[in-house]
Amino acid sequence: MPPATGDRIVIKLDELLHQRRMTLTELAERVDITLANLSILKTGKAKAIRFSTLEAICAVLDCQPGDLIGYQPD
């Protein structure tokens, strides 16, 4: 999903989940976060993410924060 107008931070969770053949529900269970909150992150509507959540997602997906979050300049 492309970022909304003016949004420069891009969440690449869909790509990582697809590469790992994992569902959003499975990730939510393994990270111990609600599916609703993970969906907000996935769609790029989140305004913040806790480092502990980011760390847990990276541990489960075996990735670096930069694999999950990107910056898209104007």
PDB file of N, CA and C in Angstrom:
ATOM      1  N   MET A   1       0.842  -1.170   0.000  1.00  0.00           N
ATOM      2  CA  MET A   1       0.000   0.000   0.000  1.00  0.00           C
ATOM      3  C   MET A   1       0.887   1.233   0.000  1.00  0.00           C
ATOM      4  N   PRO A   2       0.704   2.141  -0.947  1.00  0.00           N
ATOM      5  CA  PRO A   2       1.535   3.338  -0.981  1.00  0.00           C
ATOM      6  C   PRO A   2       1.220   4.249   0.192  1.00  0.00           C
ATOM      7  N   PRO A   3       2.217   5.029   0.618  1.00  0.00           N
ATOM      8  CA  PRO A   3       1.978   5.908   1.749  1.00  0.00           C
ATOM      9  C   PRO A   3       0.999   7.019   1.398  1.00  0.00           C
ATOM     10  N   ALA A   4       0.299   7.512   2.409  1.00  0.00           N
ATOM     11  CA  ALA A   4      -0.627   8.626   2.192  1.00  0.00           C
ATOM     12  C   ALA A   4       0.165   9.877   1.856  1.00  0.00           C
ATOM     13  N   THR A   5      -0.483  10.827   1.217  1.00  0.00           N
ATOM     14  CA  THR A   5       0.169  12.068   0.836  1.00  0.00           C
ATOM     15  C   THR A   5       0.828  12.708   2.047  1.00  0.00           C
ATOM     16  N   GLY A   6       2.102  13.070   1.902  1.00  0.00           N
ATOM     17  CA  GLY A   6       2.834  13.710   2.985  1.00  0.00           C
ATOM     18  C   GLY A   6       3.527  12.740   3.923  1.00  0.00           C
ATOM     19  N   ASP A   7       3.196  11.462   3.862  1.00  0.00           N
ATOM     20  CA  ASP A   7       3.848  10.470   4.716  1.00  0.00           C
ATOM     21  C   ASP A   7       5.167  10.049   4.089  1.00  0.00           C
ATOM     22  N   ARG A   8       6.222  10.137   4.866  1.00  0.00           N
ATOM     23  CA  ARG A   8       7.542   9.773   4.353  1.00  0.00           C
ATOM     24  C   ARG A   8       8.063   8.477   4.952  1.00  0.00           C
ATOM     25  N   ILE A   9       7.503   8.068   6.078  1.00  0.00           N
ATOM     26  CA  ILE A   9       7.911   6.811   6.697  1.00  0.00           C
ATOM     27  C   ILE A   9       7.044   5.699   6.109  1.00  0.00           C
ATOM     28  N   VAL A  10       7.698   4.679   5.597  1.00  0.00           N
ATOM     29  CA  VAL A  10       7.008   3.574   4.933  1.00  0.00           C
ATOM     30  C   VAL A  10       7.209   2.301   5.753  1.00  0.00           C
ATOM     31  N   ILE A  11       6.122   1.604   6.023  1.00  0.00           N
ATOM     32  CA  ILE A  11       6.174   0.332   6.741  1.00  0.00           C
ATOM     33  C   ILE A  11       6.115  -0.794   5.713  1.00  0.00           C
ATOM     34  N   LYS A  12       7.110  -1.670   5.755  1.00  0.00           N
ATOM     35  CA  LYS A  12       7.234  -2.741   4.755  1.00  0.00           C
ATOM     36  C   LYS A  12       6.891  -4.108   5.349  1.00  0.00           C
ATOM     37  N   LEU A  13       5.886  -4.119   6.218  1.00  0.00           N
ATOM     38  CA  LEU A  13       5.506  -5.348   6.906  1.00  0.00           C
ATOM     39  C   LEU A  13       4.919  -6.375   5.952  1.00  0.00           C
ATOM     40  N   ASP A  14       4.116  -5.933   4.993  1.00  0.00           N
ATOM     41  CA  ASP A  14       3.524  -6.869   4.029  1.00  0.00           C
ATOM     42  C   ASP A  14       4.594  -7.673   3.297  1.00  0.00           C
ATOM     43  N   GLU A  15       5.627  -6.987   2.842  1.00  0.00           N
ATOM     44  CA  GLU A  15       6.695  -7.661   2.099  1.00  0.00           C
ATOM     45  C   GLU A  15       7.414  -8.685   2.970  1.00  0.00           C
ATOM     46  N   LEU A  16       7.704  -8.294   4.212  1.00  0.00           N
ATOM     47  CA  LEU A  16       8.397  -9.219   5.108  1.00  0.00           C
ATOM     48  C   LEU A  16       7.543 -10.436   5.440  1.00  0.00           C
ATOM     49  N   LEU A  17       6.265 -10.220   5.680  1.00  0.00           N
ATOM     50  CA  LEU A  17       5.366 -11.343   5.966  1.00  0.00           C
ATOM     51  C   LEU A  17       5.279 -12.284   4.770  1.00  0.00           C
ATOM     52  N   HIS A  18       5.177 -11.711   3.581  1.00  0.00           N
ATOM     53  CA  HIS A  18       5.107 -12.527   2.372  1.00  0.00           C
ATOM     54  C   HIS A  18       6.389 -13.349   2.197  1.00  0.00           C
ATOM     55  N   GLN A  19       7.536 -12.720   2.403  1.00  0.00           N
ATOM     56  CA  GLN A  19       8.819 -13.420   2.263  1.00  0.00           C
ATOM     57  C   GLN A  19       8.941 -14.574   3.257  1.00  0.00           C
ATOM     58  N   ARG A  20       8.387 -14.385   4.453  1.00  0.00           N
ATOM     59  CA  ARG A  20       8.491 -15.414   5.489  1.00  0.00           C
ATOM     60  C   ARG A  20       7.306 -16.374   5.495  1.00  0.00           C
ATOM     61  N   ARG A  21       6.382 -16.175   4.563  1.00  0.00           N
ATOM     62  CA  ARG A  21       5.178 -17.001   4.472  1.00  0.00           C
ATOM     63  C   ARG A  21       4.462 -17.065   5.831  1.00  0.00           C
ATOM     64  N   MET A  22       4.236 -15.872   6.391  1.00  0.00           N
ATOM     65  CA  MET A  22       3.615 -15.761   7.700  1.00  0.00           C
ATOM     66  C   MET A  22       2.409 -14.835   7.589  1.00  0.00           C
ATOM     67  N   THR A  23       1.369 -15.143   8.337  1.00  0.00           N
ATOM     68  CA  THR A  23       0.189 -14.290   8.327  1.00  0.00           C
ATOM     69  C   THR A  23       0.321 -13.214   9.401  1.00  0.00           C
ATOM     70  N   LEU A  24      -0.466 -12.181   9.255  1.00  0.00           N
ATOM     71  CA  LEU A  24      -0.489 -11.115  10.247  1.00  0.00           C
ATOM     72  C   LEU A  24      -0.970 -11.663  11.590  1.00  0.00           C
ATOM     73  N   THR A  25      -1.931 -12.570  11.546  1.00  0.00           N
ATOM     74  CA  THR A  25      -2.446 -13.190  12.770  1.00  0.00           C
ATOM     75  C   THR A  25      -1.355 -13.981  13.488  1.00  0.00           C
ATOM     76  N   GLU A  26      -0.580 -14.734  12.732  1.00  0.00           N
ATOM     77  CA  GLU A  26       0.506 -15.516  13.337  1.00  0.00           C
ATOM     78  C   GLU A  26       1.552 -14.585  13.964  1.00  0.00           C
ATOM     79  N   LEU A  27       1.891 -13.511  13.258  1.00  0.00           N
ATOM     80  CA  LEU A  27       2.852 -12.562  13.808  1.00  0.00           C
ATOM     81  C   LEU A  27       2.313 -11.930  15.089  1.00  0.00           C
ATOM     82  N   ALA A  28       1.058 -11.553  15.081  1.00  0.00           N
ATOM     83  CA  ALA A  28       0.440 -10.941  16.265  1.00  0.00           C
ATOM     84  C   ALA A  28       0.534 -11.881  17.468  1.00  0.00           C
ATOM     85  N   GLU A  29       0.268 -13.148  17.252  1.00  0.00           N
ATOM     86  CA  GLU A  29       0.342 -14.125  18.337  1.00  0.00           C
ATOM     87  C   GLU A  29       1.766 -14.298  18.838  1.00  0.00           C
ATOM     88  N   ARG A  30       2.714 -14.357  17.923  1.00  0.00           N
ATOM     89  CA  ARG A  30       4.112 -14.594  18.304  1.00  0.00           C
ATOM     90  C   ARG A  30       4.754 -13.378  18.972  1.00  0.00           C
ATOM     91  N   VAL A  31       4.280 -12.183  18.605  1.00  0.00           N
ATOM     92  CA  VAL A  31       4.823 -10.955  19.177  1.00  0.00           C
ATOM     93  C   VAL A  31       4.042 -10.549  20.429  1.00  0.00           C
ATOM     94  N   ASP A  32       2.869 -11.137  20.617  1.00  0.00           N
ATOM     95  CA  ASP A  32       1.979 -10.814  21.735  1.00  0.00           C
ATOM     96  C   ASP A  32       1.508  -9.362  21.647  1.00  0.00           C
ATOM     97  N   ILE A  33       0.947  -9.032  20.483  1.00  0.00           N
ATOM     98  CA  ILE A  33       0.358  -7.720  20.231  1.00  0.00           C
ATOM     99  C   ILE A  33      -1.006  -7.984  19.606  1.00  0.00           C
ATOM    100  N   THR A  34      -1.946  -7.089  19.820  1.00  0.00           N
ATOM    101  CA  THR A  34      -3.273  -7.329  19.250  1.00  0.00           C
ATOM    102  C   THR A  34      -3.216  -7.228  17.734  1.00  0.00           C
ATOM    103  N   LEU A  35      -4.068  -7.975  17.092  1.00  0.00           N
ATOM    104  CA  LEU A  35      -4.158  -7.942  15.635  1.00  0.00           C
ATOM    105  C   LEU A  35      -4.538  -6.536  15.170  1.00  0.00           C
ATOM    106  N   ALA A  36      -5.400  -5.875  15.920  1.00  0.00           N
ATOM    107  CA  ALA A  36      -5.820  -4.514  15.563  1.00  0.00           C
ATOM    108  C   ALA A  36      -4.630  -3.552  15.561  1.00  0.00           C
ATOM    109  N   ASN A  37      -3.792  -3.614  16.587  1.00  0.00           N
ATOM    110  CA  ASN A  37      -2.630  -2.722  16.649  1.00  0.00           C
ATOM    111  C   ASN A  37      -1.613  -3.051  15.562  1.00  0.00           C
ATOM    112  N   LEU A  38      -1.442  -4.320  15.276  1.00  0.00           N
ATOM    113  CA  LEU A  38      -0.520  -4.705  14.215  1.00  0.00           C
ATOM    114  C   LEU A  38      -1.051  -4.257  12.852  1.00  0.00           C
ATOM    115  N   SER A  39      -2.347  -4.322  12.664  1.00  0.00           N
ATOM    116  CA  SER A  39      -2.962  -3.853  11.421  1.00  0.00           C
ATOM    117  C   SER A  39      -2.758  -2.350  11.237  1.00  0.00           C
ATOM    118  N   ILE A  40      -2.857  -1.594  12.325  1.00  0.00           N
ATOM    119  CA  ILE A  40      -2.623  -0.152  12.263  1.00  0.00           C
ATOM    120  C   ILE A  40      -1.184   0.125  11.816  1.00  0.00           C
ATOM    121  N   LEU A  41      -0.258  -0.642  12.340  1.00  0.00           N
ATOM    122  CA  LEU A  41       1.137  -0.495  11.932  1.00  0.00           C
ATOM    123  C   LEU A  41       1.309  -0.867  10.466  1.00  0.00           C
ATOM    124  N   LYS A  42       0.734  -1.989  10.071  1.00  0.00           N
ATOM    125  CA  LYS A  42       0.885  -2.490   8.703  1.00  0.00           C
ATOM    126  C   LYS A  42       0.352  -1.513   7.666  1.00  0.00           C
ATOM    127  N   THR A  43      -0.742  -0.851   7.973  1.00  0.00           N
ATOM    128  CA  THR A  43      -1.350   0.062   7.004  1.00  0.00           C
ATOM    129  C   THR A  43      -0.694   1.442   7.007  1.00  0.00           C
ATOM    130  N   GLY A  44       0.283   1.651   7.884  1.00  0.00           N
ATOM    131  CA  GLY A  44       0.974   2.927   7.918  1.00  0.00           C
ATOM    132  C   GLY A  44       0.233   4.010   8.677  1.00  0.00           C
ATOM    133  N   LYS A  45      -0.780   3.625   9.432  1.00  0.00           N
ATOM    134  CA  LYS A  45      -1.574   4.601  10.181  1.00  0.00           C
ATOM    135  C   LYS A  45      -1.033   4.855  11.584  1.00  0.00           C
ATOM    136  N   ALA A  46      -0.052   4.065  12.003  1.00  0.00           N
ATOM    137  CA  ALA A  46       0.526   4.239  13.335  1.00  0.00           C
ATOM    138  C   ALA A  46       1.355   5.516  13.378  1.00  0.00           C
ATOM    139  N   LYS A  47       1.272   6.210  14.474  1.00  0.00           N
ATOM    140  CA  LYS A  47       2.048   7.435  14.660  1.00  0.00           C
ATOM    141  C   LYS A  47       3.326   7.174  15.439  1.00  0.00           C
ATOM    142  N   ALA A  48       3.425   6.002  16.054  1.00  0.00           N
ATOM    143  CA  ALA A  48       4.600   5.653  16.852  1.00  0.00           C
ATOM    144  C   ALA A  48       4.671   4.144  17.001  1.00  0.00           C
ATOM    145  N   ILE A  49       5.842   3.666  17.360  1.00  0.00           N
ATOM    146  CA  ILE A  49       6.025   2.251  17.683  1.00  0.00           C
ATOM    147  C   ILE A  49       7.015   2.167  18.836  1.00  0.00           C
ATOM    148  N   ARG A  50       6.692   1.360  19.811  1.00  0.00           N
ATOM    149  CA  ARG A  50       7.596   1.175  20.948  1.00  0.00           C
ATOM    150  C   ARG A  50       8.793   0.348  20.496  1.00  0.00           C
ATOM    151  N   PHE A  51       9.941   0.678  21.055  1.00  0.00           N
ATOM    152  CA  PHE A  51      11.136  -0.091  20.724  1.00  0.00           C
ATOM    153  C   PHE A  51      10.973  -1.556  21.095  1.00  0.00           C
ATOM    154  N   SER A  52      10.274  -1.832  22.178  1.00  0.00           N
ATOM    155  CA  SER A  52      10.075  -3.233  22.582  1.00  0.00           C
ATOM    156  C   SER A  52       9.243  -3.981  21.546  1.00  0.00           C
ATOM    157  N   THR A  53       8.261  -3.307  20.959  1.00  0.00           N
ATOM    158  CA  THR A  53       7.449  -3.919  19.902  1.00  0.00           C
ATOM    159  C   THR A  53       8.287  -4.113  18.651  1.00  0.00           C
ATOM    160  N   LEU A  54       9.056  -3.105  18.291  1.00  0.00           N
ATOM    161  CA  LEU A  54       9.928  -3.198  17.123  1.00  0.00           C
ATOM    162  C   LEU A  54      10.935  -4.327  17.293  1.00  0.00           C
ATOM    163  N   GLU A  55      11.495  -4.423  18.483  1.00  0.00           N
ATOM    164  CA  GLU A  55      12.459  -5.486  18.769  1.00  0.00           C
ATOM    165  C   GLU A  55      11.810  -6.870  18.642  1.00  0.00           C
ATOM    166  N   ALA A  56      10.602  -7.016  19.165  1.00  0.00           N
ATOM    167  CA  ALA A  56       9.912  -8.304  19.100  1.00  0.00           C
ATOM    168  C   ALA A  56       9.571  -8.680  17.653  1.00  0.00           C
ATOM    169  N   ILE A  57       9.109  -7.713  16.875  1.00  0.00           N
ATOM    170  CA  ILE A  57       8.794  -7.981  15.470  1.00  0.00           C
ATOM    171  C   ILE A  57      10.056  -8.394  14.718  1.00  0.00           C
ATOM    172  N   CYS A  58      11.148  -7.667  14.951  1.00  0.00           N
ATOM    173  CA  CYS A  58      12.407  -7.992  14.277  1.00  0.00           C
ATOM    174  C   CYS A  58      12.921  -9.375  14.679  1.00  0.00           C
ATOM    175  N   ALA A  59      12.736  -9.742  15.948  1.00  0.00           N
ATOM    176  CA  ALA A  59      13.173 -11.064  16.405  1.00  0.00           C
ATOM    177  C   ALA A  59      12.377 -12.165  15.720  1.00  0.00           C
ATOM    178  N   VAL A  60      11.067 -11.994  15.644  1.00  0.00           N
ATOM    179  CA  VAL A  60      10.214 -13.014  15.030  1.00  0.00           C
ATOM    180  C   VAL A  60      10.452 -13.100  13.526  1.00  0.00           C
ATOM    181  N   LEU A  61      10.612 -11.963  12.874  1.00  0.00           N
ATOM    182  CA  LEU A  61      10.796 -11.954  11.418  1.00  0.00           C
ATOM    183  C   LEU A  61      12.260 -12.084  11.005  1.00  0.00           C
ATOM    184  N   ASP A  62      13.155 -12.142  11.992  1.00  0.00           N
ATOM    185  CA  ASP A  62      14.590 -12.248  11.737  1.00  0.00           C
ATOM    186  C   ASP A  62      15.035 -11.164  10.748  1.00  0.00           C
ATOM    187  N   CYS A  63      14.797  -9.910  11.156  1.00  0.00           N
ATOM    188  CA  CYS A  63      15.137  -8.789  10.288  1.00  0.00           C
ATOM    189  C   CYS A  63      15.703  -7.641  11.115  1.00  0.00           C
ATOM    190  N   GLN A  64      16.149  -6.623  10.446  1.00  0.00           N
ATOM    191  CA  GLN A  64      16.629  -5.402  11.069  1.00  0.00           C
ATOM    192  C   GLN A  64      15.521  -4.351  11.008  1.00  0.00           C
ATOM    193  N   PRO A  65      15.522  -3.360  11.898  1.00  0.00           N
ATOM    194  CA  PRO A  65      14.502  -2.319  11.846  1.00  0.00           C
ATOM    195  C   PRO A  65      14.407  -1.649  10.467  1.00  0.00           C
ATOM    196  N   GLY A  66      15.528  -1.480   9.812  1.00  0.00           N
ATOM    197  CA  GLY A  66      15.532  -0.875   8.478  1.00  0.00           C
ATOM    198  C   GLY A  66      14.863  -1.732   7.421  1.00  0.00           C
ATOM    199  N   ASP A  67      14.736  -3.029   7.684  1.00  0.00           N
ATOM    200  CA  ASP A  67      14.012  -3.911   6.761  1.00  0.00           C
ATOM    201  C   ASP A  67      12.510  -3.685   6.883  1.00  0.00           C
ATOM    202  N   LEU A  68      12.087  -3.220   8.041  1.00  0.00           N
ATOM    203  CA  LEU A  68      10.672  -3.037   8.340  1.00  0.00           C
ATOM    204  C   LEU A  68      10.205  -1.597   8.094  1.00  0.00           C
ATOM    205  N   ILE A  69      11.074  -0.641   8.378  1.00  0.00           N
ATOM    206  CA  ILE A  69      10.723   0.763   8.285  1.00  0.00           C
ATOM    207  C   ILE A  69      11.657   1.456   7.304  1.00  0.00           C
ATOM    208  N   GLY A  70      11.095   2.215   6.396  1.00  0.00           N
ATOM    209  CA  GLY A  70      11.890   2.948   5.429  1.00  0.00           C
ATOM    210  C   GLY A  70      11.514   4.414   5.396  1.00  0.00           C
ATOM    211  N   TYR A  71      12.371   5.192   4.791  1.00  0.00           N
ATOM    212  CA  TYR A  71      12.123   6.629   4.615  1.00  0.00           C
ATOM    213  C   TYR A  71      12.039   6.914   3.137  1.00  0.00           C
ATOM    214  N   GLN A  72      10.967   7.575   2.745  1.00  0.00           N
ATOM    215  CA  GLN A  72      10.750   7.900   1.340  1.00  0.00           C
ATOM    216  C   GLN A  72      10.777   9.425   1.190  1.00  0.00           C
ATOM    217  N   PRO A  73      11.887   9.962   0.682  1.00  0.00           N
ATOM    218  CA  PRO A  73      11.962  11.415   0.521  1.00  0.00           C
ATOM    219  C   PRO A  73      10.992  11.913  -0.542  1.00  0.00           C
ATOM    220  N   ASP A  74      10.649  13.182  -0.432  1.00  0.00           N
ATOM    221  CA  ASP A  74       9.744  13.782  -1.431  1.00  0.00           C
ATOM    222  C   ASP A  74      10.317  13.724  -2.817  1.00  0.00           C
TER     223      ASP A  74
END
